[in-house]
Amino acid sequence: MSQELVYGLHAVQALLKGSPQNVQELMLLRGRKDQRLQKIILQAEKNDIALSFVDRRTLDDKVEEGANHQGVVALCVGKTKVHDEKFLLELLEQLDQRAEAPFLLILDGVTDPHNLGACLRSAEAAGVHAVIAPKDKSAGLTPTARKVACGAAEVLPFVTVTNLARTLQQLQQAGVWIFGAAGEATQNVYQSQLTGPMALVMGAEGSGLRRLTREHCDHLIKIPMAGEVSSLNVSVATGVCLFEAVRQRGG
């Protein structure tokens, strides 16, 4: 059976809250006794999860070089649940039954796990229903992405698709408007109507939206830039656009 590591206070807390049955062992920094760690210990004991108290070097060796585990590492059985196109279509049906307008984030080739994690965190905070990304040439839900997401990866559906252009067409057929963020757009995000069923598409770091993705967007929007810098980090730009949509959608 496959195993994976989850580390960081927020990510581990979210894991224990949502899927404690997947946690095989919890490794904690010996000597740390602050309140945040005590909450995790109580959650683990409540779910009969094995605890081990180890030194910092042991935890450092478990995670990626330079990663900040914050004194807690969870050893999990099985991989993080990643959803597919079928799940996405079922989600759209459920939202339609609830008369709720879909609010989706699509990441077109975001390969940096730190950016993916930051985008997931912003998306969850904004009330996005799911984050969609192509299977190839994109960051996956690595321990780093989950750590940066601060628990969002454990509660927000992450959907990977084989053919992004086809997925965009399926969304449009379901009545979802596709808004792609692009520097060459003539309309800025504050002039756009983001109140209905919509998906925001953000491009890769540096290169932006791929040509085929851009062609499948209903509208192209941009963030007005007043300074000398020509573009924002993709996770920052995602947060700006998502929360403008939140403002328009009534918070």
Protein backbone atom coordinates (compact mmCIF):
# COMPACT_ATOMS: atom_id res chain seq x y z
CA MET A 1 0.00 0.00 0.00
CA SER A 2 1.36 3.42 -0.95
CA GLN A 3 2.33 5.95 1.68
CA GLU A 4 2.81 9.70 1.66
CA LEU A 5 3.90 12.39 4.08
CA VAL A 6 1.90 15.42 5.15
CA TYR A 7 3.60 18.06 7.24
CA GLY A 8 2.91 21.48 8.71
CA LEU A 9 0.47 22.42 11.46
CA HIS A 10 -2.45 23.52 9.25
CA ALA A 11 -2.15 20.65 6.78
CA VAL A 12 -1.93 17.99 9.50
CA GLN A 13 -4.81 19.52 11.48
CA ALA A 14 -7.02 19.49 8.38
CA LEU A 15 -6.00 15.90 7.65
CA LEU A 16 -6.85 14.76 11.19
CA LYS A 17 -10.19 16.55 10.98
CA GLY A 18 -11.20 15.25 7.56
CA SER A 19 -9.46 11.88 7.08
CA PRO A 20 -8.01 10.61 10.38
CA GLN A 21 -8.40 7.04 9.17
CA ASN A 22 -5.63 7.64 6.63
CA VAL A 23 -3.04 8.65 9.23
CA GLN A 24 -0.83 5.73 10.21
CA GLU A 25 1.61 7.55 12.46
CA LEU A 26 2.26 11.06 13.70
CA MET A 27 5.84 12.20 14.33
CA LEU A 28 6.21 15.21 16.60
CA LEU A 29 9.13 17.34 17.67
CA ARG A 30 10.31 16.24 21.08
CA GLY A 31 10.09 18.99 23.71
CA ARG A 32 7.61 21.21 21.86
CA LYS A 33 4.60 21.86 24.09
CA ASP A 34 2.77 24.84 22.62
CA GLN A 35 -1.02 24.98 22.34
CA ARG A 36 -1.16 24.40 18.56
CA LEU A 37 0.73 21.14 18.84
CA GLN A 38 -1.35 20.06 21.81
CA LYS A 39 -4.49 20.34 19.67
CA ILE A 40 -2.95 17.98 17.15
CA ILE A 41 -1.96 15.52 19.88
CA LEU A 42 -5.51 15.53 21.27
CA GLN A 43 -6.96 14.91 17.80
CA ALA A 44 -4.54 12.04 17.25
CA GLU A 45 -5.25 10.43 20.62
CA LYS A 46 -8.98 10.74 20.01
CA ASN A 47 -8.55 8.73 16.80
CA ASP A 48 -6.09 6.19 18.29
CA ILE A 49 -3.26 7.31 16.01
CA ALA A 50 0.25 6.24 16.98
CA LEU A 51 2.45 9.08 18.22
CA SER A 52 6.23 9.25 18.26
CA PHE A 53 8.34 12.10 19.63
CA VAL A 54 11.59 12.59 17.74
CA ASP A 55 14.39 15.13 17.38
CA ARG A 56 14.43 17.86 14.76
CA ARG A 57 16.98 16.10 12.54
CA THR A 58 14.69 13.08 12.20
CA LEU A 59 11.85 15.32 11.03
CA ASP A 60 14.17 17.28 8.73
CA ASP A 61 15.26 14.02 7.08
CA LYS A 62 11.63 13.06 6.40
CA VAL A 63 10.69 16.17 4.42
CA GLU A 64 12.11 17.88 1.36
CA GLU A 65 15.33 19.79 1.88
CA GLY A 66 14.64 23.22 3.31
CA ALA A 67 10.96 22.51 3.97
CA ASN A 68 9.43 23.83 7.19
CA HIS A 69 7.59 20.96 8.86
CA GLN A 70 6.75 23.07 11.96
CA GLY A 71 7.49 20.13 14.20
CA VAL A 72 4.84 17.74 12.88
CA VAL A 73 4.92 15.07 10.16
CA ALA A 74 2.10 12.62 9.44
CA LEU A 75 2.69 9.28 7.72
CA CYS A 76 -0.41 8.48 5.71
CA VAL A 77 -1.66 5.33 4.06
CA GLY A 78 -2.77 5.88 0.48
CA LYS A 79 -2.48 8.92 -1.74
CA THR A 80 -4.38 12.18 -1.52
CA LYS A 81 -7.68 11.94 -3.33
CA VAL A 82 -7.39 13.52 -6.77
CA HIS A 83 -10.59 13.73 -8.78
CA ASP A 84 -11.28 13.26 -12.50
CA GLU A 85 -13.58 14.57 -15.23
CA LYS A 86 -16.44 12.35 -14.07
CA PHE A 87 -16.31 13.92 -10.62
CA LEU A 88 -16.36 17.40 -12.18
CA LEU A 89 -19.49 16.67 -14.21
CA GLU A 90 -21.19 15.19 -11.13
CA LEU A 91 -20.23 18.30 -9.16
CA LEU A 92 -21.84 20.53 -11.81
CA GLU A 93 -25.03 18.47 -11.58
CA GLN A 94 -25.09 18.80 -7.80
CA LEU A 95 -24.60 22.56 -7.99
CA ASP A 96 -27.40 22.79 -10.56
CA GLN A 97 -29.73 20.85 -8.27
CA ARG A 98 -28.93 23.29 -5.45
CA ALA A 99 -29.40 26.27 -7.81
CA GLU A 100 -25.86 27.31 -6.96
CA ALA A 101 -23.66 29.01 -9.59
CA PRO A 102 -20.40 27.11 -10.17
CA PHE A 103 -17.26 28.96 -9.10
CA LEU A 104 -14.16 27.19 -10.43
CA LEU A 105 -10.44 27.83 -10.70
CA ILE A 106 -8.43 26.35 -13.57
CA LEU A 107 -4.62 26.34 -13.49
CA ASP A 108 -3.13 25.94 -16.95
CA GLY A 109 0.34 24.50 -16.45
CA VAL A 110 1.28 25.87 -13.02
CA THR A 111 4.34 23.75 -12.24
CA ASP A 112 5.65 25.26 -9.00
CA PRO A 113 4.18 23.41 -5.98
CA HIS A 114 4.51 26.54 -3.85
CA ASN A 115 2.33 28.45 -6.31
CA LEU A 116 -0.14 25.57 -6.50
CA GLY A 117 -0.41 25.47 -2.73
CA ALA A 118 -0.91 29.23 -2.51
CA CYS A 119 -3.59 29.09 -5.24
CA LEU A 120 -5.40 26.30 -3.39
CA ARG A 121 -5.33 28.32 -0.18
CA SER A 122 -6.80 31.41 -1.89
CA ALA A 123 -9.37 29.32 -3.75
CA GLU A 124 -10.61 27.60 -0.61
CA ALA A 125 -10.84 30.91 1.23
CA ALA A 126 -12.82 32.41 -1.68
CA GLY A 127 -15.37 29.58 -1.70
CA VAL A 128 -14.29 27.99 -4.99
CA HIS A 129 -16.02 24.66 -5.60
CA ALA A 130 -13.05 22.91 -7.25
CA VAL A 131 -9.61 23.55 -8.71
CA ILE A 132 -8.87 22.01 -12.11
CA ALA A 133 -5.49 21.34 -13.72
CA PRO A 134 -4.17 19.26 -16.63
CA LYS A 135 -2.47 15.99 -15.68
CA ASP A 136 0.67 16.78 -17.66
CA LYS A 137 3.13 19.62 -17.11
CA SER A 138 1.45 20.74 -13.91
CA ALA A 139 2.32 20.55 -10.24
CA GLY A 140 0.59 17.80 -8.30
CA LEU A 141 -0.49 17.63 -4.66
CA THR A 142 3.01 17.13 -3.33
CA PRO A 143 3.79 17.49 0.40
CA THR A 144 5.15 20.97 -0.38
CA ALA A 145 1.93 22.02 -2.14
CA ARG A 146 -0.15 20.69 0.73
CA LYS A 147 2.01 22.43 3.32
CA VAL A 148 1.72 25.80 1.53
CA ALA A 149 -2.03 25.26 1.09
CA CYS A 150 -2.40 25.32 4.91
CA GLY A 151 -5.13 22.68 4.95
CA ALA A 152 -6.97 23.70 1.78
CA ALA A 153 -5.73 20.62 -0.11
CA GLU A 154 -7.54 18.39 2.37
CA VAL A 155 -10.96 20.02 1.87
CA LEU A 156 -11.02 21.55 -1.63
CA PRO A 157 -11.52 19.12 -4.55
CA PHE A 158 -8.53 19.01 -6.90
CA VAL A 159 -9.45 17.75 -10.36
CA THR A 160 -6.89 16.64 -12.95
CA VAL A 161 -7.98 16.29 -16.57
CA THR A 162 -6.38 14.68 -19.60
CA ASN A 163 -7.50 17.27 -22.16
CA LEU A 164 -8.01 20.77 -20.78
CA ALA A 165 -9.48 22.17 -23.99
CA ARG A 166 -12.14 19.44 -23.98
CA THR A 167 -12.90 20.16 -20.31
CA LEU A 168 -13.36 23.85 -21.11
CA GLN A 169 -15.85 22.90 -23.83
CA GLN A 170 -17.75 20.67 -21.39
CA LEU A 171 -17.93 23.49 -18.88
CA GLN A 172 -19.25 25.87 -21.53
CA GLN A 173 -21.89 23.31 -22.55
CA ALA A 174 -22.94 23.23 -18.90
CA GLY A 175 -23.43 27.00 -18.93
CA VAL A 176 -20.16 27.99 -17.26
CA TRP A 177 -18.47 31.14 -18.56
CA ILE A 178 -14.69 30.88 -18.97
CA PHE A 179 -12.60 33.91 -17.97
CA GLY A 180 -8.92 33.68 -18.86
CA ALA A 181 -6.35 35.98 -17.28
CA ALA A 182 -4.03 37.37 -19.96
CA GLY A 183 -1.82 40.44 -20.13
CA GLU A 184 -2.98 41.30 -23.63
CA ALA A 185 -6.67 41.49 -22.61
CA THR A 186 -8.45 44.78 -23.26
CA GLN A 187 -10.86 44.42 -20.35
CA ASN A 188 -9.67 44.43 -16.77
CA VAL A 189 -10.99 42.24 -13.98
CA TYR A 190 -12.85 45.11 -12.31
CA GLN A 191 -14.82 45.82 -15.51
CA SER A 192 -15.89 42.19 -15.90
CA GLN A 193 -19.11 40.59 -14.72
CA LEU A 194 -18.07 37.66 -12.53
CA THR A 195 -21.36 36.99 -10.81
CA GLY A 196 -22.74 33.94 -12.62
CA PRO A 197 -21.49 30.42 -13.28
CA MET A 198 -17.82 30.95 -14.03
CA ALA A 199 -14.37 29.45 -14.20
CA LEU A 200 -11.24 31.57 -13.83
CA VAL A 201 -8.28 30.30 -15.86
CA MET A 202 -4.78 31.28 -14.77
CA GLY A 203 -1.74 30.54 -16.90
CA ALA A 204 1.68 29.13 -16.15
CA GLU A 205 4.42 31.08 -14.43
CA GLY A 206 6.06 33.22 -17.10
CA SER A 207 4.41 31.92 -20.26
CA GLY A 208 0.78 32.48 -19.31
CA LEU A 209 -2.14 30.74 -20.97
CA ARG A 210 -1.43 28.25 -23.73
CA ARG A 211 -2.79 29.18 -27.16
CA LEU A 212 -5.49 26.49 -27.24
CA THR A 213 -6.61 27.37 -23.74
CA ARG A 214 -6.81 31.06 -24.64
CA GLU A 215 -8.91 30.26 -27.71
CA HIS A 216 -11.45 28.39 -25.57
CA CYS A 217 -12.01 31.29 -23.18
CA ASP A 218 -15.21 33.31 -23.47
CA HIS A 219 -13.51 36.43 -22.10
CA LEU A 220 -9.94 37.53 -21.49
CA ILE A 221 -9.33 39.77 -18.49
CA LYS A 222 -6.29 41.42 -16.94
CA ILE A 223 -5.24 43.06 -13.71
CA PRO A 224 -4.45 46.77 -14.27
CA MET A 225 -0.78 47.42 -13.50
CA ALA A 226 0.31 50.92 -12.49
CA GLY A 227 3.98 50.23 -11.78
CA GLU A 228 6.98 49.16 -13.80
CA VAL A 229 6.50 45.43 -13.07
CA SER A 230 4.74 43.81 -16.02
CA SER A 231 3.07 40.92 -14.19
CA LEU A 232 2.29 39.42 -10.79
CA ASN A 233 3.16 36.02 -9.40
CA VAL A 234 0.44 33.59 -10.50
CA SER A 235 -0.72 32.88 -6.95
CA VAL A 236 -0.99 36.61 -6.16
CA ALA A 237 -2.84 37.28 -9.42
CA THR A 238 -5.17 34.37 -8.66
CA GLY A 239 -6.03 35.84 -5.28
CA VAL A 240 -6.73 39.28 -6.78
CA CYS A 241 -9.07 37.88 -9.44
CA LEU A 242 -10.84 35.40 -7.16
CA PHE A 243 -11.64 37.97 -4.51
CA GLU A 244 -12.89 40.49 -7.05
CA ALA A 245 -15.32 37.74 -8.06
CA VAL A 246 -16.17 37.17 -4.38
CA ARG A 247 -16.90 40.90 -4.01
CA GLN A 248 -19.18 40.90 -7.03
CA ARG A 249 -20.92 37.69 -5.93
CA GLY A 250 -21.90 39.28 -2.63
CA GLY A 251 -19.04 38.09 -0.43
